[in-house]
């Protein structure tokens, strides 16, 4: 088995080994992964944090020994805490990294980081973290303040607070404990929404006062009731509520 790490701010993770293939997610700086297949200049990887799989180009990653991969797996979390920060290379050249970048193996890459980082694991901080992404544009497969999708948003907010969520909304919906009524929920709980066929297609983070923050066009705050998300701009419900999940007590 081969292992790798992302040495750049962001690497696109694609559905297939083709630059035109669908963007399914992004690999952020410092993310470690297993290399499970390869095709010419492409690696198929399995992300360490959430087990998500996809294809990246070989020239955008650095291979690492198994011990570095396992060390990161067992080391206390340490994530970049600002919207964007800077990594310093040995020649003093700087390059940007986004919020949520993993800093645990920075020594292996021989990089330096002098910014703020977070190791929080506190449900009370989830709402505060979520506000950091407010007005970030929607991007299918995105995971950064410059573009993010609904499940990428919830995953990154929880990740920054030390809590592992799966990548897709349908998979996140299988985690945690289901609540019977919205009145039982607390800020930080997740609300899931389905389509006419019953497929989970959307997720957001509940706030105080029957509000929800979610990525729909952009990361925005709307009202929520037992029917779903109510968008005041269109004066109608934009998403139909399926379930509410408590991930952490």
Protein backbone atom coordinates (compact mmCIF):
# COMPACT_ATOMS: atom_id res chain seq x y z
CA UNK A 1 0.00 0.00 0.00
CA UNK A 2 1.21 3.49 -0.88
CA UNK A 3 0.40 6.69 1.03
CA UNK A 4 0.40 10.37 0.20
CA UNK A 5 -0.14 13.88 1.51
CA UNK A 6 -1.44 17.10 -0.05
CA UNK A 7 1.43 19.67 -0.17
CA UNK A 8 -0.70 22.36 -1.87
CA UNK A 9 -3.54 24.57 -0.68
CA UNK A 10 -6.20 22.58 -2.54
CA UNK A 11 -6.22 19.56 -4.86
CA UNK A 12 -9.34 18.72 -6.92
CA UNK A 13 -10.69 15.23 -6.27
CA UNK A 14 -12.39 13.89 -9.40
CA UNK A 15 -14.77 11.05 -10.14
CA UNK A 16 -12.48 9.62 -12.81
CA UNK A 17 -8.90 9.99 -14.05
CA UNK A 18 -9.68 12.84 -16.42
CA UNK A 19 -9.36 16.61 -15.99
CA UNK A 20 -12.87 16.99 -17.39
CA UNK A 21 -14.32 14.53 -14.91
CA UNK A 22 -16.76 15.70 -12.23
CA UNK A 23 -15.31 17.43 -9.18
CA UNK A 24 -16.58 15.28 -6.29
CA UNK A 25 -14.57 16.86 -3.46
CA UNK A 26 -11.32 18.62 -2.63
CA UNK A 27 -8.19 17.53 -0.78
CA UNK A 28 -6.89 20.29 1.47
CA UNK A 29 -3.34 21.06 2.54
CA UNK A 30 -1.98 18.41 4.91
CA UNK A 31 -4.67 15.81 4.22
CA UNK A 32 -3.21 12.30 4.18
CA UNK A 33 -4.58 9.47 2.08
CA UNK A 34 -4.04 5.92 0.88
CA UNK A 35 -3.20 5.41 -2.79
CA UNK A 36 -5.45 2.54 -3.84
CA UNK A 37 -5.05 2.58 -7.64
CA UNK A 38 -3.17 4.41 -10.39
CA UNK A 39 -3.53 5.19 -14.11
CA UNK A 40 -0.62 6.87 -15.88
CA UNK A 41 -0.40 10.35 -14.26
CA UNK A 42 -3.33 9.72 -11.87
CA UNK A 43 -3.73 8.26 -8.38
CA UNK A 44 -6.99 6.97 -6.96
CA UNK A 45 -6.97 7.83 -3.26
CA UNK A 46 -8.94 7.15 -0.08
CA UNK A 47 -8.93 10.16 2.25
CA UNK A 48 -7.77 9.42 5.80
CA UNK A 49 -10.31 11.71 7.49
CA UNK A 50 -13.53 10.47 5.92
CA UNK A 51 -12.66 7.51 3.68
CA UNK A 52 -13.84 9.37 0.58
CA UNK A 53 -12.40 8.14 -2.71
CA UNK A 54 -11.54 9.84 -5.97
CA UNK A 55 -8.78 10.62 -8.45
CA UNK A 56 -5.98 13.21 -8.21
CA UNK A 57 -2.99 13.88 -10.45
CA UNK A 58 0.32 12.42 -9.27
CA UNK A 59 2.18 15.71 -9.66
CA UNK A 60 -0.03 17.41 -7.07
CA UNK A 61 0.85 15.15 -4.15
CA UNK A 62 3.84 13.85 -2.23
CA UNK A 63 4.20 10.18 -1.33
CA UNK A 64 4.88 9.49 2.36
CA UNK A 65 6.01 6.48 4.42
CA UNK A 66 3.39 4.43 6.21
CA UNK A 67 4.68 5.65 9.59
CA UNK A 68 3.90 9.28 8.68
CA UNK A 69 0.37 8.29 7.67
CA UNK A 70 -0.17 6.36 10.91
CA UNK A 71 1.37 9.12 13.01
CA UNK A 72 -1.05 11.65 11.60
CA UNK A 73 -3.91 9.23 12.25
CA UNK A 74 -3.04 9.10 15.95
CA UNK A 75 -1.88 12.69 16.53
CA UNK A 76 -4.03 15.40 18.14
CA UNK A 77 -5.90 17.48 15.58
CA UNK A 78 -4.40 20.78 14.48
CA UNK A 79 -6.21 22.78 11.79
CA UNK A 80 -5.61 26.22 10.27
CA UNK A 81 -8.16 28.54 11.90
CA UNK A 82 -8.28 31.57 9.57
CA UNK A 83 -10.15 31.88 6.26
CA UNK A 84 -6.77 31.78 4.53
CA UNK A 85 -3.25 31.62 5.88
CA UNK A 86 0.28 31.14 4.60
CA UNK A 87 2.78 28.33 4.47
CA UNK A 88 6.47 29.19 4.23
CA UNK A 89 8.73 27.00 2.09
CA UNK A 90 12.44 26.47 2.91
CA UNK A 91 13.35 29.21 0.37
CA UNK A 92 10.97 31.62 2.21
CA UNK A 93 8.44 31.58 -0.64
CA UNK A 94 4.86 31.73 0.66
CA UNK A 95 1.70 30.06 -0.61
CA UNK A 96 -1.88 30.19 0.73
CA UNK A 97 -3.80 27.45 2.51
CA UNK A 98 -7.53 27.52 3.35
CA UNK A 99 -9.45 27.23 6.59
CA UNK A 100 -9.38 23.65 7.91
CA UNK A 101 -6.01 22.68 6.43
CA UNK A 102 -4.31 19.92 8.44
CA UNK A 103 -1.04 20.99 10.08
CA UNK A 104 -0.05 17.76 11.81
CA UNK A 105 2.55 16.62 9.26
CA UNK A 106 3.99 20.01 8.38
CA UNK A 107 7.41 18.92 9.68
CA UNK A 108 7.59 16.06 7.17
CA UNK A 109 6.98 18.53 4.33
CA UNK A 110 9.68 20.85 5.75
CA UNK A 111 7.20 23.73 5.75
CA UNK A 112 6.62 26.42 8.37
CA UNK A 113 3.34 27.81 9.67
CA UNK A 114 3.06 30.76 12.04
CA UNK A 115 -0.70 31.39 11.94
CA UNK A 116 -3.53 30.44 14.27
CA UNK A 117 -4.79 26.89 14.58
CA UNK A 118 -7.62 25.13 16.33
CA UNK A 119 -7.91 21.82 18.17
CA UNK A 120 -11.40 22.48 19.55
CA UNK A 121 -13.86 19.69 20.26
CA UNK A 122 -16.81 21.61 21.59
CA UNK A 123 -20.40 21.54 20.29
CA UNK A 124 -20.92 25.07 21.61
CA UNK A 125 -18.41 26.32 19.00
CA UNK A 126 -20.16 24.79 15.98
CA UNK A 127 -22.42 27.77 15.29
CA UNK A 128 -19.53 30.22 15.67
CA UNK A 129 -17.44 28.18 13.26
CA UNK A 130 -20.32 27.98 10.78
CA UNK A 131 -20.59 31.79 10.65
CA UNK A 132 -17.00 31.88 9.39
CA UNK A 133 -18.22 30.49 6.05
CA UNK A 134 -21.18 32.90 5.73
CA UNK A 135 -21.65 34.09 2.12
CA UNK A 136 -19.11 31.61 0.73
CA UNK A 137 -20.32 30.76 -2.81
CA UNK A 138 -21.82 27.36 -3.53
CA UNK A 139 -19.51 25.01 -5.43
CA UNK A 140 -20.33 21.36 -6.08
CA UNK A 141 -17.51 19.37 -4.50
CA UNK A 142 -16.05 22.44 -2.77
CA UNK A 143 -14.71 22.54 0.80
CA UNK A 144 -13.25 26.06 1.19
CA UNK A 145 -14.48 29.63 1.83
CA UNK A 146 -14.01 30.32 -1.90
CA UNK A 147 -16.51 27.62 -2.84
CA UNK A 148 -18.31 24.95 -0.84
CA UNK A 149 -21.26 22.57 -1.15
CA UNK A 150 -23.83 21.74 1.52
CA UNK A 151 -22.21 18.59 2.91
CA UNK A 152 -18.70 20.01 2.49
CA UNK A 153 -19.84 22.92 4.64
CA UNK A 154 -21.22 20.76 7.45
CA UNK A 155 -18.21 18.43 7.28
CA UNK A 156 -15.70 21.27 7.53
CA UNK A 157 -17.53 23.00 10.40
CA UNK A 158 -17.53 19.75 12.37
CA UNK A 159 -13.94 18.95 11.35
CA UNK A 160 -12.74 22.28 12.74
CA UNK A 161 -14.27 21.21 16.04
CA UNK A 162 -12.64 17.79 16.02
CA UNK A 163 -15.72 15.82 14.96
CA UNK A 164 -15.63 13.49 11.95
CA UNK A 165 -18.51 13.61 9.48
CA UNK A 166 -18.69 11.66 6.24
CA UNK A 167 -18.46 13.58 2.98
CA UNK A 168 -21.92 13.30 1.39
CA UNK A 169 -25.25 14.38 2.93
CA UNK A 170 -26.76 10.92 2.40
CA UNK A 171 -23.90 9.37 4.39
CA UNK A 172 -23.95 12.04 7.12
CA UNK A 173 -27.64 11.25 7.58
CA UNK A 174 -26.65 7.76 8.77
CA UNK A 175 -24.62 9.20 11.67
CA UNK A 176 -25.86 10.33 15.08
CA UNK A 177 -29.27 10.04 16.76
CA UNK A 178 -32.55 10.94 15.07
CA UNK A 179 -34.76 13.49 16.85
CA UNK A 180 -38.54 13.31 16.63
CA UNK A 181 -39.29 17.04 16.62
CA UNK A 182 -37.46 20.21 15.70
CA UNK A 183 -38.21 21.51 19.21
CA UNK A 184 -35.88 18.81 20.59
CA UNK A 185 -32.94 20.14 18.59
CA UNK A 186 -30.07 22.34 19.74
CA UNK A 187 -27.74 24.68 17.86
CA UNK A 188 -25.19 22.55 16.04
CA UNK A 189 -27.53 19.67 15.24
CA UNK A 190 -27.92 18.72 11.58
CA UNK A 191 -31.10 18.93 9.51
CA UNK A 192 -31.48 16.80 6.38
CA UNK A 193 -33.75 17.33 3.41
CA UNK A 194 -34.97 15.02 0.64
CA UNK A 195 -36.39 15.12 -2.88
CA UNK A 196 -39.67 13.70 -4.19
CA UNK A 197 -38.11 10.23 -4.41
CA UNK A 198 -37.01 10.35 -0.77
CA UNK A 199 -33.29 10.76 -1.50
CA UNK A 200 -31.31 12.91 0.94
CA UNK A 201 -30.07 15.84 -1.16
CA UNK A 202 -29.31 18.64 1.32
CA UNK A 203 -28.01 19.27 4.85
CA UNK A 204 -27.57 22.28 7.10
CA UNK A 205 -26.65 23.26 10.67
CA UNK A 206 -29.37 24.38 13.05
CA UNK A 207 -29.04 27.68 14.89
CA UNK A 208 -31.00 29.27 17.70
CA UNK A 209 -34.42 30.75 17.01
CA UNK A 210 -35.62 28.22 14.41
CA UNK A 211 -32.91 29.21 11.94
CA UNK A 212 -30.53 27.18 9.82
CA UNK A 213 -27.21 27.96 8.13
CA UNK A 214 -26.61 26.03 4.93
CA UNK A 215 -24.97 26.22 1.49
CA UNK A 216 -27.59 26.99 -1.16
CA UNK A 217 -26.34 29.42 -3.80
CA UNK A 218 -24.10 30.64 -1.00
CA UNK A 219 -23.75 29.89 2.69
CA UNK A 220 -26.83 31.63 4.06
CA UNK A 221 -29.16 31.75 7.05
CA UNK A 222 -32.86 30.96 6.63
CA UNK A 223 -35.83 30.06 8.81
CA UNK A 224 -36.77 26.43 9.38
CA UNK A 225 -39.99 24.75 10.55
CA UNK A 226 -41.46 21.23 10.49
CA UNK A 227 -42.04 21.57 6.74
CA UNK A 228 -38.51 22.60 5.86
CA UNK A 229 -36.40 25.64 5.02
CA UNK A 230 -38.37 28.83 4.40
CA UNK A 231 -36.70 31.30 2.07
CA UNK A 232 -38.04 34.83 2.64
CA UNK A 233 -36.69 36.01 -0.72
CA UNK A 234 -38.92 33.65 -2.68
CA UNK A 235 -41.56 33.51 0.11
CA UNK A 236 -41.69 29.75 -0.10
CA UNK A 237 -40.05 26.60 1.24
CA UNK A 238 -36.89 25.78 -0.69
CA UNK A 239 -36.18 22.37 0.91
CA UNK A 240 -38.42 19.68 2.46
CA UNK A 241 -37.34 18.50 5.93
CA UNK A 242 -36.66 14.78 6.23
CA UNK A 243 -34.94 14.38 9.61
CA UNK A 244 -32.89 16.05 12.32
CA UNK A 245 -29.79 14.35 13.68
CA UNK A 246 -27.84 14.97 16.89
CA UNK A 247 -24.25 14.06 16.10
CA UNK A 248 -22.74 15.05 19.45
CA UNK A 249 -24.49 15.57 22.80
